[in-house]
Amino acid sequence: PHSGIYRCTGCGREIASNATNGDRFPPQNHHQHNPGQ
């Protein structure tokens, strides 16, 4: 929805995304969490 830097709330991994280009958040298999995350 907004261009910028996003952080995964579970593990802290970060990505940069551009809303004006129609970017989507990475798919579920982009990275994995352990059950506690």
PDB file of all heavy atoms in Angstrom:
ATOM      1  N   PRO A   1       0.789  -1.229   0.000  1.00  0.00           N
ATOM      2  CA  PRO A   1       0.000   0.000   0.000  1.00  0.00           C
ATOM      3  C   PRO A   1       0.827   1.288   0.000  1.00  0.00           C
ATOM      4  O   PRO A   1       0.354   2.332  -0.437  1.00  0.00           O
ATOM      5  CB  PRO A   1      -0.821  -0.110   1.287  1.00  0.00           C
ATOM      6  CG  PRO A   1       0.003  -0.949   2.191  1.00  0.00           C
ATOM      7  CD  PRO A   1       0.751  -1.899   1.302  1.00  0.00           C
ATOM      8  N   HIS A   2       2.056   1.239   0.533  1.00  0.00           N
ATOM      9  CA  HIS A   2       2.912   2.422   0.628  1.00  0.00           C
ATOM     10  C   HIS A   2       4.341   2.017   0.296  1.00  0.00           C
ATOM     11  O   HIS A   2       4.820   0.990   0.783  1.00  0.00           O
ATOM     12  CB  HIS A   2       2.897   3.020   2.041  1.00  0.00           C
ATOM     13  CG  HIS A   2       1.538   3.395   2.533  1.00  0.00           C
ATOM     14  ND1 HIS A   2       0.909   4.552   2.128  1.00  0.00           N
ATOM     15  CD2 HIS A   2       0.688   2.782   3.362  1.00  0.00           C
ATOM     16  CE1 HIS A   2      -0.276   4.620   2.705  1.00  0.00           C
ATOM     17  NE2 HIS A   2      -0.432   3.547   3.456  1.00  0.00           N
ATOM     18  N   SER A   3       5.033   2.816  -0.481  1.00  0.00           N
ATOM     19  CA  SER A   3       6.439   2.542  -0.783  1.00  0.00           C
ATOM     20  C   SER A   3       7.277   2.750   0.463  1.00  0.00           C
ATOM     21  O   SER A   3       7.034   3.677   1.246  1.00  0.00           O
ATOM     22  CB  SER A   3       6.936   3.471  -1.891  1.00  0.00           C
ATOM     23  OG  SER A   3       6.239   3.237  -3.083  1.00  0.00           O
ATOM     24  N   GLY A   4       8.263   1.874   0.657  1.00  0.00           N
ATOM     25  CA  GLY A   4       9.152   2.025   1.797  1.00  0.00           C
ATOM     26  C   GLY A   4       9.802   0.723   2.214  1.00  0.00           C
ATOM     27  O   GLY A   4       9.897  -0.219   1.435  1.00  0.00           O
ATOM     28  N   ILE A   5      10.234   0.685   3.455  1.00  0.00           N
ATOM     29  CA  ILE A   5      10.868  -0.496   4.035  1.00  0.00           C
ATOM     30  C   ILE A   5       9.871  -1.151   4.988  1.00  0.00           C
ATOM     31  O   ILE A   5       9.276  -0.483   5.829  1.00  0.00           O
ATOM     32  CB  ILE A   5      12.156  -0.127   4.784  1.00  0.00           C
ATOM     33  CG1 ILE A   5      13.153   0.510   3.821  1.00  0.00           C
ATOM     34  CG2 ILE A   5      12.772  -1.359   5.464  1.00  0.00           C
ATOM     35  CD1 ILE A   5      14.377   1.100   4.491  1.00  0.00           C
ATOM     36  N   TYR A   6       9.721  -2.449   4.836  1.00  0.00           N
ATOM     37  CA  TYR A   6       8.824  -3.243   5.676  1.00  0.00           C
ATOM     38  C   TYR A   6       9.644  -4.273   6.433  1.00  0.00           C
ATOM     39  O   TYR A   6      10.648  -4.777   5.940  1.00  0.00           O
ATOM     40  CB  TYR A   6       7.784  -3.971   4.822  1.00  0.00           C
ATOM     41  CG  TYR A   6       6.732  -3.054   4.253  1.00  0.00           C
ATOM     42  CD1 TYR A   6       6.964  -2.300   3.115  1.00  0.00           C
ATOM     43  CD2 TYR A   6       5.489  -2.929   4.880  1.00  0.00           C
ATOM     44  CE1 TYR A   6       6.003  -1.454   2.596  1.00  0.00           C
ATOM     45  CE2 TYR A   6       4.518  -2.079   4.368  1.00  0.00           C
ATOM     46  CZ  TYR A   6       4.782  -1.350   3.227  1.00  0.00           C
ATOM     47  OH  TYR A   6       3.820  -0.514   2.721  1.00  0.00           O
ATOM     48  N   ARG A   7       9.190  -4.591   7.636  1.00  0.00           N
ATOM     49  CA  ARG A   7       9.867  -5.551   8.503  1.00  0.00           C
ATOM     50  C   ARG A   7       8.903  -6.663   8.854  1.00  0.00           C
ATOM     51  O   ARG A   7       7.741  -6.408   9.166  1.00  0.00           O
ATOM     52  CB  ARG A   7      10.328  -4.838   9.776  1.00  0.00           C
ATOM     53  CG  ARG A   7      11.077  -5.690  10.749  1.00  0.00           C
ATOM     54  CD  ARG A   7      11.562  -4.818  11.918  1.00  0.00           C
ATOM     55  NE  ARG A   7      12.375  -5.573  12.812  1.00  0.00           N
ATOM     56  CZ  ARG A   7      11.911  -6.288  13.831  1.00  0.00           C
ATOM     57  NH1 ARG A   7      10.617  -6.314  14.085  1.00  0.00           N
ATOM     58  NH2 ARG A   7      12.731  -6.959  14.599  1.00  0.00           N
ATOM     59  N   CYS A   8       9.391  -7.902   8.799  1.00  0.00           N
ATOM     60  CA  CYS A   8       8.583  -9.044   9.221  1.00  0.00           C
ATOM     61  C   CYS A   8       8.440  -8.981  10.744  1.00  0.00           C
ATOM     62  O   CYS A   8       9.437  -8.899  11.466  1.00  0.00           O
ATOM     63  CB  CYS A   8       9.245 -10.350   8.794  1.00  0.00           C
ATOM     64  SG  CYS A   8       8.331 -11.814   9.326  1.00  0.00           S
ATOM     65  N   THR A   9       7.206  -9.006  11.231  1.00  0.00           N
ATOM     66  CA  THR A   9       6.970  -8.863  12.673  1.00  0.00           C
ATOM     67  C   THR A   9       7.438 -10.079  13.465  1.00  0.00           C
ATOM     68  O   THR A   9       7.659  -9.975  14.663  1.00  0.00           O
ATOM     69  CB  THR A   9       5.477  -8.620  12.967  1.00  0.00           C
ATOM     70  OG1 THR A   9       4.722  -9.730  12.488  1.00  0.00           O
ATOM     71  CG2 THR A   9       5.000  -7.330  12.311  1.00  0.00           C
ATOM     72  N   GLY A  10       7.605 -11.213  12.800  1.00  0.00           N
ATOM     73  CA  GLY A  10       8.018 -12.427  13.500  1.00  0.00           C
ATOM     74  C   GLY A  10       9.517 -12.594  13.629  1.00  0.00           C
ATOM     75  O   GLY A  10      10.023 -12.945  14.678  1.00  0.00           O
ATOM     76  N   CYS A  11      10.251 -12.336  12.543  1.00  0.00           N
ATOM     77  CA  CYS A  11      11.691 -12.627  12.534  1.00  0.00           C
ATOM     78  C   CYS A  11      12.573 -11.406  12.323  1.00  0.00           C
ATOM     79  O   CYS A  11      13.782 -11.474  12.500  1.00  0.00           O
ATOM     80  CB  CYS A  11      12.009 -13.681  11.477  1.00  0.00           C
ATOM     81  SG  CYS A  11      11.800 -13.110   9.782  1.00  0.00           S
ATOM     82  N   GLY A  12      11.991 -10.280  11.906  1.00  0.00           N
ATOM     83  CA  GLY A  12      12.768  -9.066  11.724  1.00  0.00           C
ATOM     84  C   GLY A  12      13.385  -8.890  10.348  1.00  0.00           C
ATOM     85  O   GLY A  12      14.046  -7.888  10.097  1.00  0.00           O
ATOM     86  N   ARG A  13      13.166  -9.828   9.434  1.00  0.00           N
ATOM     87  CA  ARG A  13      13.689  -9.668   8.067  1.00  0.00           C
ATOM     88  C   ARG A  13      13.058  -8.432   7.433  1.00  0.00           C
ATOM     89  O   ARG A  13      11.893  -8.144   7.667  1.00  0.00           O
ATOM     90  CB  ARG A  13      13.362 -10.910   7.249  1.00  0.00           C
ATOM     91  CG  ARG A  13      13.883 -10.829   5.824  1.00  0.00           C
ATOM     92  CD  ARG A  13      13.689 -12.119   5.110  1.00  0.00           C
ATOM     93  NE  ARG A  13      14.723 -13.032   5.581  1.00  0.00           N
ATOM     94  CZ  ARG A  13      15.122 -14.098   4.916  1.00  0.00           C
ATOM     95  NH1 ARG A  13      14.559 -14.412   3.777  1.00  0.00           N
ATOM     96  NH2 ARG A  13      16.066 -14.869   5.402  1.00  0.00           N
ATOM     97  N   GLU A  14      13.824  -7.709   6.640  1.00  0.00           N
ATOM     98  CA  GLU A  14      13.334  -6.471   6.036  1.00  0.00           C
ATOM     99  C   GLU A  14      13.339  -6.560   4.516  1.00  0.00           C
ATOM    100  O   GLU A  14      14.156  -7.283   3.933  1.00  0.00           O
ATOM    101  CB  GLU A  14      14.200  -5.289   6.479  1.00  0.00           C
ATOM    102  CG  GLU A  14      14.093  -5.035   7.963  1.00  0.00           C
ATOM    103  CD  GLU A  14      15.263  -4.280   8.522  1.00  0.00           C
ATOM    104  OE1 GLU A  14      16.289  -4.129   7.829  1.00  0.00           O
ATOM    105  OE2 GLU A  14      15.168  -3.842   9.676  1.00  0.00           O
ATOM    106  N   ILE A  15      12.419  -5.830   3.894  1.00  0.00           N
ATOM    107  CA  ILE A  15      12.340  -5.725   2.434  1.00  0.00           C
ATOM    108  C   ILE A  15      12.045  -4.281   2.070  1.00  0.00           C
ATOM    109  O   ILE A  15      11.501  -3.529   2.880  1.00  0.00           O
ATOM    110  CB  ILE A  15      11.237  -6.638   1.846  1.00  0.00           C
ATOM    111  CG1 ILE A  15       9.859  -6.266   2.421  1.00  0.00           C
ATOM    112  CG2 ILE A  15      11.563  -8.103   2.052  1.00  0.00           C
ATOM    113  CD1 ILE A  15       8.691  -6.868   1.678  1.00  0.00           C
ATOM    114  N   ALA A  16      12.406  -3.892   0.878  1.00  0.00           N
ATOM    115  CA  ALA A  16      12.032  -2.595   0.328  1.00  0.00           C
ATOM    116  C   ALA A  16      11.015  -2.847  -0.780  1.00  0.00           C
ATOM    117  O   ALA A  16      11.207  -3.750  -1.598  1.00  0.00           O
ATOM    118  CB  ALA A  16      13.253  -1.871  -0.221  1.00  0.00           C
ATOM    119  N   SER A  17       9.942  -2.085  -0.788  1.00  0.00           N
ATOM    120  CA  SER A  17       8.878  -2.285  -1.772  1.00  0.00           C
ATOM    121  C   SER A  17       8.412  -0.952  -2.332  1.00  0.00           C
ATOM    122  O   SER A  17       8.438   0.067  -1.651  1.00  0.00           O
ATOM    123  CB  SER A  17       7.695  -3.010  -1.136  1.00  0.00           C
ATOM    124  OG  SER A  17       8.074  -4.317  -0.767  1.00  0.00           O
ATOM    125  N   ASN A  18       7.932  -1.004  -3.578  1.00  0.00           N
ATOM    126  CA  ASN A  18       7.506   0.195  -4.281  1.00  0.00           C
ATOM    127  C   ASN A  18       6.034   0.063  -4.664  1.00  0.00           C
ATOM    128  O   ASN A  18       5.693  -0.691  -5.572  1.00  0.00           O
ATOM    129  CB  ASN A  18       8.386   0.396  -5.514  1.00  0.00           C
ATOM    130  CG  ASN A  18       8.156   1.715  -6.186  1.00  0.00           C
ATOM    131  OD1 ASN A  18       7.115   2.352  -6.015  1.00  0.00           O
ATOM    132  ND2 ASN A  18       9.120   2.140  -6.972  1.00  0.00           N
ATOM    133  N   ALA A  19       5.180   0.801  -3.994  1.00  0.00           N
ATOM    134  CA  ALA A  19       3.741   0.739  -4.269  1.00  0.00           C
ATOM    135  C   ALA A  19       3.401   1.277  -5.647  1.00  0.00           C
ATOM    136  O   ALA A  19       2.478   0.787  -6.296  1.00  0.00           O
ATOM    137  CB  ALA A  19       2.962   1.507  -3.204  1.00  0.00           C
ATOM    138  N   THR A  20       4.143   2.271  -6.136  1.00  0.00           N
ATOM    139  CA  THR A  20       3.825   2.867  -7.432  1.00  0.00           C
ATOM    140  C   THR A  20       4.098   1.911  -8.589  1.00  0.00           C
ATOM    141  O   THR A  20       3.566   2.090  -9.675  1.00  0.00           O
ATOM    142  CB  THR A  20       4.603   4.179  -7.662  1.00  0.00           C
ATOM    143  OG1 THR A  20       5.998   3.921  -7.564  1.00  0.00           O
ATOM    144  CG2 THR A  20       4.209   5.229  -6.634  1.00  0.00           C
ATOM    145  N   ASN A  21       4.917   0.886  -8.355  1.00  0.00           N
ATOM    146  CA  ASN A  21       5.180  -0.130  -9.379  1.00  0.00           C
ATOM    147  C   ASN A  21       4.240  -1.315  -9.264  1.00  0.00           C
ATOM    148  O   ASN A  21       4.380  -2.283 -10.008  1.00  0.00           O
ATOM    149  CB  ASN A  21       6.624  -0.637  -9.286  1.00  0.00           C
ATOM    150  CG  ASN A  21       7.626   0.367  -9.783  1.00  0.00           C
ATOM    151  OD1 ASN A  21       7.275   1.334 -10.430  1.00  0.00           O
ATOM    152  ND2 ASN A  21       8.887   0.134  -9.482  1.00  0.00           N
ATOM    153  N   GLY A  22       3.335  -1.277  -8.293  1.00  0.00           N
ATOM    154  CA  GLY A  22       2.417  -2.395  -8.098  1.00  0.00           C
ATOM    155  C   GLY A  22       3.040  -3.591  -7.403  1.00  0.00           C
ATOM    156  O   GLY A  22       2.547  -4.708  -7.520  1.00  0.00           O
ATOM    157  N   ASP A  23       4.134  -3.359  -6.652  1.00  0.00           N
ATOM    158  CA  ASP A  23       4.787  -4.459  -5.936  1.00  0.00           C
ATOM    159  C   ASP A  23       3.813  -5.167  -5.010  1.00  0.00           C
ATOM    160  O   ASP A  23       2.869  -4.561  -4.487  1.00  0.00           O
ATOM    161  CB  ASP A  23       5.958  -3.951  -5.094  1.00  0.00           C
ATOM    162  CG  ASP A  23       7.175  -3.559  -5.902  1.00  0.00           C
ATOM    163  OD1 ASP A  23       7.133  -3.674  -7.145  1.00  0.00           O
ATOM    164  OD2 ASP A  23       8.158  -3.126  -5.280  1.00  0.00           O
ATOM    165  N   ARG A  24       4.098  -6.438  -4.786  1.00  0.00           N
ATOM    166  CA  ARG A  24       3.374  -7.242  -3.810  1.00  0.00           C
ATOM    167  C   ARG A  24       4.381  -7.711  -2.761  1.00  0.00           C
ATOM    168  O   ARG A  24       5.580  -7.784  -3.028  1.00  0.00           O
ATOM    169  CB  ARG A  24       2.706  -8.448  -4.468  1.00  0.00           C
ATOM    170  CG  ARG A  24       1.604  -8.037  -5.424  1.00  0.00           C
ATOM    171  CD  ARG A  24       0.799  -9.240  -5.901  1.00  0.00           C
ATOM    172  NE  ARG A  24      -0.401  -8.784  -6.585  1.00  0.00           N
ATOM    173  CZ  ARG A  24      -1.544  -8.470  -5.992  1.00  0.00           C
ATOM    174  NH1 ARG A  24      -1.640  -8.577  -4.675  1.00  0.00           N
ATOM    175  NH2 ARG A  24      -2.584  -8.046  -6.675  1.00  0.00           N
ATOM    176  N   PHE A  25       3.871  -8.023  -1.579  1.00  0.00           N
ATOM    177  CA  PHE A  25       4.749  -8.581  -0.557  1.00  0.00           C
ATOM    178  C   PHE A  25       5.200  -9.963  -1.008  1.00  0.00           C
ATOM    179  O   PHE A  25       4.487 -10.644  -1.758  1.00  0.00           O
ATOM    180  CB  PHE A  25       4.028  -8.650   0.793  1.00  0.00           C
ATOM    181  CG  PHE A  25       3.768  -7.302   1.376  1.00  0.00           C
ATOM    182  CD1 PHE A  25       2.511  -6.740   1.327  1.00  0.00           C
ATOM    183  CD2 PHE A  25       4.790  -6.565   1.942  1.00  0.00           C
ATOM    184  CE1 PHE A  25       2.263  -5.475   1.842  1.00  0.00           C
ATOM    185  CE2 PHE A  25       4.565  -5.298   2.458  1.00  0.00           C
ATOM    186  CZ  PHE A  25       3.295  -4.762   2.410  1.00  0.00           C
ATOM    187  N   PRO A  26       6.398 -10.378  -0.587  1.00  0.00           N
ATOM    188  CA  PRO A  26       6.890 -11.688  -1.010  1.00  0.00           C
ATOM    189  C   PRO A  26       5.893 -12.799  -0.665  1.00  0.00           C
ATOM    190  O   PRO A  26       5.143 -12.689   0.313  1.00  0.00           O
ATOM    191  CB  PRO A  26       8.175 -11.861  -0.207  1.00  0.00           C
ATOM    192  CG  PRO A  26       8.612 -10.475   0.105  1.00  0.00           C
ATOM    193  CD  PRO A  26       7.337  -9.693   0.291  1.00  0.00           C
ATOM    194  N   PRO A  27       5.912 -13.881  -1.445  1.00  0.00           N
ATOM    195  CA  PRO A  27       5.002 -14.993  -1.176  1.00  0.00           C
ATOM    196  C   PRO A  27       5.370 -15.705   0.130  1.00  0.00           C
ATOM    197  O   PRO A  27       6.460 -15.501   0.676  1.00  0.00           O
ATOM    198  CB  PRO A  27       5.192 -15.920  -2.377  1.00  0.00           C
ATOM    199  CG  PRO A  27       6.551 -15.587  -2.893  1.00  0.00           C
ATOM    200  CD  PRO A  27       6.763 -14.136  -2.597  1.00  0.00           C
ATOM    201  N   GLN A  28       4.492 -16.539   0.596  1.00  0.00           N
ATOM    202  CA  GLN A  28       4.664 -17.265   1.855  1.00  0.00           C
ATOM    203  C   GLN A  28       5.991 -18.036   1.881  1.00  0.00           C
ATOM    204  O   GLN A  28       6.616 -18.161   2.925  1.00  0.00           O
ATOM    205  CB  GLN A  28       3.487 -18.235   2.064  1.00  0.00           C
ATOM    206  CG  GLN A  28       3.517 -18.987   3.376  1.00  0.00           C
ATOM    207  CD  GLN A  28       3.222 -18.104   4.574  1.00  0.00           C
ATOM    208  OE1 GLN A  28       2.524 -17.121   4.477  1.00  0.00           O
ATOM    209  NE2 GLN A  28       3.770 -18.472   5.716  1.00  0.00           N
ATOM    210  N   ASN A  29       6.438 -18.552   0.739  1.00  0.00           N
ATOM    211  CA  ASN A  29       7.666 -19.356   0.723  1.00  0.00           C
ATOM    212  C   ASN A  29       8.938 -18.507   0.588  1.00  0.00           C
ATOM    213  O   ASN A  29      10.018 -19.039   0.410  1.00  0.00           O
ATOM    214  CB  ASN A  29       7.601 -20.410  -0.386  1.00  0.00           C
ATOM    215  CG  ASN A  29       7.533 -19.800  -1.777  1.00  0.00           C
ATOM    216  OD1 ASN A  29       7.476 -18.579  -1.941  1.00  0.00           O
ATOM    217  ND2 ASN A  29       7.524 -20.644  -2.787  1.00  0.00           N
ATOM    218  N   HIS A  30       8.821 -17.191   0.677  1.00  0.00           N
ATOM    219  CA  HIS A  30       9.982 -16.285   0.608  1.00  0.00           C
ATOM    220  C   HIS A  30      10.981 -16.610   1.709  1.00  0.00           C
ATOM    221  O   HIS A  30      12.183 -16.646   1.487  1.00  0.00           O
ATOM    222  CB  HIS A  30       9.492 -14.837   0.736  1.00  0.00           C
ATOM    223  CG  HIS A  30      10.578 -13.819   0.793  1.00  0.00           C
ATOM    224  ND1 HIS A  30      10.951 -13.197   1.967  1.00  0.00           N
ATOM    225  CD2 HIS A  30      11.361 -13.292  -0.175  1.00  0.00           C
ATOM    226  CE1 HIS A  30      11.915 -12.335   1.710  1.00  0.00           C
ATOM    227  NE2 HIS A  30      12.180 -12.373   0.415  1.00  0.00           N
ATOM    228  N   HIS A  31      10.494 -16.824   2.902  1.00  0.00           N
ATOM    229  CA  HIS A  31      11.312 -17.286   4.025  1.00  0.00           C
ATOM    230  C   HIS A  31      10.400 -18.016   5.000  1.00  0.00           C
ATOM    231  O   HIS A  31       9.194 -17.867   4.937  1.00  0.00           O
ATOM    232  CB  HIS A  31      12.059 -16.121   4.687  1.00  0.00           C
ATOM    233  CG  HIS A  31      11.215 -15.166   5.471  1.00  0.00           C
ATOM    234  ND1 HIS A  31      10.442 -14.182   4.882  1.00  0.00           N
ATOM    235  CD2 HIS A  31      11.018 -15.040   6.806  1.00  0.00           C
ATOM    236  CE1 HIS A  31       9.822 -13.490   5.830  1.00  0.00           C
ATOM    237  NE2 HIS A  31      10.154 -13.984   7.004  1.00  0.00           N
ATOM    238  N   GLN A  32      10.993 -18.818   5.859  1.00  0.00           N
ATOM    239  CA  GLN A  32      10.209 -19.625   6.783  1.00  0.00           C
ATOM    240  C   GLN A  32      10.468 -19.189   8.220  1.00  0.00           C
ATOM    241  O   GLN A  32      11.530 -18.675   8.549  1.00  0.00           O
ATOM    242  CB  GLN A  32      10.564 -21.113   6.615  1.00  0.00           C
ATOM    243  CG  GLN A  32      10.273 -21.653   5.223  1.00  0.00           C
ATOM    244  CD  GLN A  32       8.815 -21.490   4.818  1.00  0.00           C
ATOM    245  OE1 GLN A  32       7.923 -21.864   5.561  1.00  0.00           O
ATOM    246  NE2 GLN A  32       8.578 -20.924   3.650  1.00  0.00           N
ATOM    247  N   HIS A  33       9.482 -19.421   9.049  1.00  0.00           N
ATOM    248  CA  HIS A  33       9.580 -19.155  10.480  1.00  0.00           C
ATOM    249  C   HIS A  33       9.580 -20.456  11.253  1.00  0.00           C
ATOM    250  O   HIS A  33       8.972 -21.433  10.824  1.00  0.00           O
ATOM    251  CB  HIS A  33       8.363 -18.352  10.962  1.00  0.00           C
ATOM    252  CG  HIS A  33       8.421 -16.904  10.610  1.00  0.00           C
ATOM    253  ND1 HIS A  33       7.439 -16.031  10.981  1.00  0.00           N
ATOM    254  CD2 HIS A  33       9.339 -16.163   9.941  1.00  0.00           C
ATOM    255  CE1 HIS A  33       7.750 -14.820  10.556  1.00  0.00           C
ATOM    256  NE2 HIS A  33       8.891 -14.878   9.916  1.00  0.00           N
ATOM    257  N   ASN A  34      10.214 -20.434  12.423  1.00  0.00           N
ATOM    258  CA  ASN A  34      10.011 -21.557  13.332  1.00  0.00           C
ATOM    259  C   ASN A  34       8.699 -21.290  14.068  1.00  0.00           C
ATOM    260  O   ASN A  34       8.188 -20.160  14.043  1.00  0.00           O
ATOM    261  CB  ASN A  34      11.218 -21.731  14.270  1.00  0.00           C
ATOM    262  CG  ASN A  34      11.403 -20.572  15.222  1.00  0.00           C
ATOM    263  OD1 ASN A  34      10.446 -20.105  15.841  1.00  0.00           O
ATOM    264  ND2 ASN A  34      12.637 -20.092  15.355  1.00  0.00           N
ATOM    265  N   PRO A  35       8.112 -22.283  14.719  1.00  0.00           N
ATOM    266  CA  PRO A  35       6.789 -22.103  15.328  1.00  0.00           C
ATOM    267  C   PRO A  35       6.692 -20.933  16.318  1.00  0.00           C
ATOM    268  O   PRO A  35       5.660 -20.290  16.416  1.00  0.00           O
ATOM    269  CB  PRO A  35       6.534 -23.433  16.027  1.00  0.00           C
ATOM    270  CG  PRO A  35       7.345 -24.419  15.258  1.00  0.00           C
ATOM    271  CD  PRO A  35       8.577 -23.667  14.826  1.00  0.00           C
ATOM    272  N   GLY A  36       7.760 -20.607  17.006  1.00  0.00           N
ATOM    273  CA  GLY A  36       7.736 -19.527  17.980  1.00  0.00           C
ATOM    274  C   GLY A  36       7.684 -18.133  17.369  1.00  0.00           C
ATOM    275  O   GLY A  36       7.393 -17.164  18.067  1.00  0.00           O
ATOM    276  N   GLN A  37       7.945 -18.018  16.087  1.00  0.00           N
ATOM    277  CA  GLN A  37       7.956 -16.701  15.437  1.00  0.00           C
ATOM    278  C   GLN A  37       6.601 -16.300  14.880  1.00  0.00           C
ATOM    279  O   GLN A  37       6.429 -15.164  14.441  1.00  0.00           O
ATOM    280  CB  GLN A  37       8.993 -16.684  14.307  1.00  0.00           C
ATOM    281  CG  GLN A  37      10.411 -16.780  14.814  1.00  0.00           C
ATOM    282  CD  GLN A  37      11.405 -16.892  13.684  1.00  0.00           C
ATOM    283  OE1 GLN A  37      11.236 -17.691  12.768  1.00  0.00           O
ATOM    284  NE2 GLN A  37      12.449 -16.100  13.751  1.00  0.00           N
TER     285      GLN A  37
END
